[in-house]
Amino acid sequence: MAASRIREKIGNGSGHRRRRERLEHLDMPTYVIGDVHGRYDLLSSLERKIVADAAGLPGRKLIVMLGDYIDRGPASAQVVSRLMAPPPNGFDRICLTGNHEMAMLAYADGEISLDDWVALGGDATLASYGVDILKLKEEYPKQKKLDTFIRTWLPDDHVNFLRRLPILLDTPEALFVHAGIDPDRPISEQQDDDLVFIRSRFYDSAQPLPKLIVHGHTPIRRAEVNGLRLNLDTGAFHTGRLSAARLWQGRVHITST
């Protein structure tokens, strides 16, 4: 499967590790947004809600994006462009990587096949960049030439933006990550592939967690705090519900589109 091939390429302790971000204090109102998956419309709507909510709060605010900006939904290119642009006035923004960004980069680097990426929803991402795979296959019947065209077509600035995304944000109060953590490892020893792919070993574990883990990746009907887990993936592509959490003064407030 594509997912297992991508996992093999991005870590297991050997080679390059994605950058980790750290804030010494989470002392500003912080808004965390779950998996967008190409739903630019929902991201725009949720950002408006966040800006309105933050208007009555003091100082600067922070938006943390939990990854999976692309694939499946109709407007991945537009989502990436929005995240590359400055955040709303009065906000800072930190964007983390998800497994779907890893898949796009793995295809761009020739590490997985086009079919592997398409199986994860990459055809919708390519369509948002103006790529019609079926028409291109008629023009480039040989796979190598087709791949070369597509990899050249993808905008360098978008690809480079995705390459630079950190894989987690750690703070004394909470850890922000796409999928979760391996509960048997300290935060300093987490592997990239677990941080963007892990599901049941994290989600169903009875192991004590070191702090609140704010994540997405595993779709649920409604975002809520479950012990020290806060899952914000409410399946935006399928449900039309993109969720965010405001963390401020020890409280969590959930809002959705």
Foldseek 3Di string as FASTA:
>chain_A
DLLVLLLVVAWPPDDDAFDEAEDAAQAAWEKEWAAQAQVPVFVVVVLVVVVVVCPPPDAAYEYEYAENQHFDYQASVVSLVVVVDARPPRYHYAYAYAVLLSSVLCLLVVSDAPVSNVVRRVCSVLVNLVDDLVVVCVVPVDRVVSSVVSSVSPDPVSNVVSRNHGAWYDYPAEIEGAEFFQLVDPPVPTISSCRHPPHCNGPVDPRDDPHQYEYEDDADCDFDDDPSYTYQHPPCSPPVWIKMWIAHPNDIDIDID
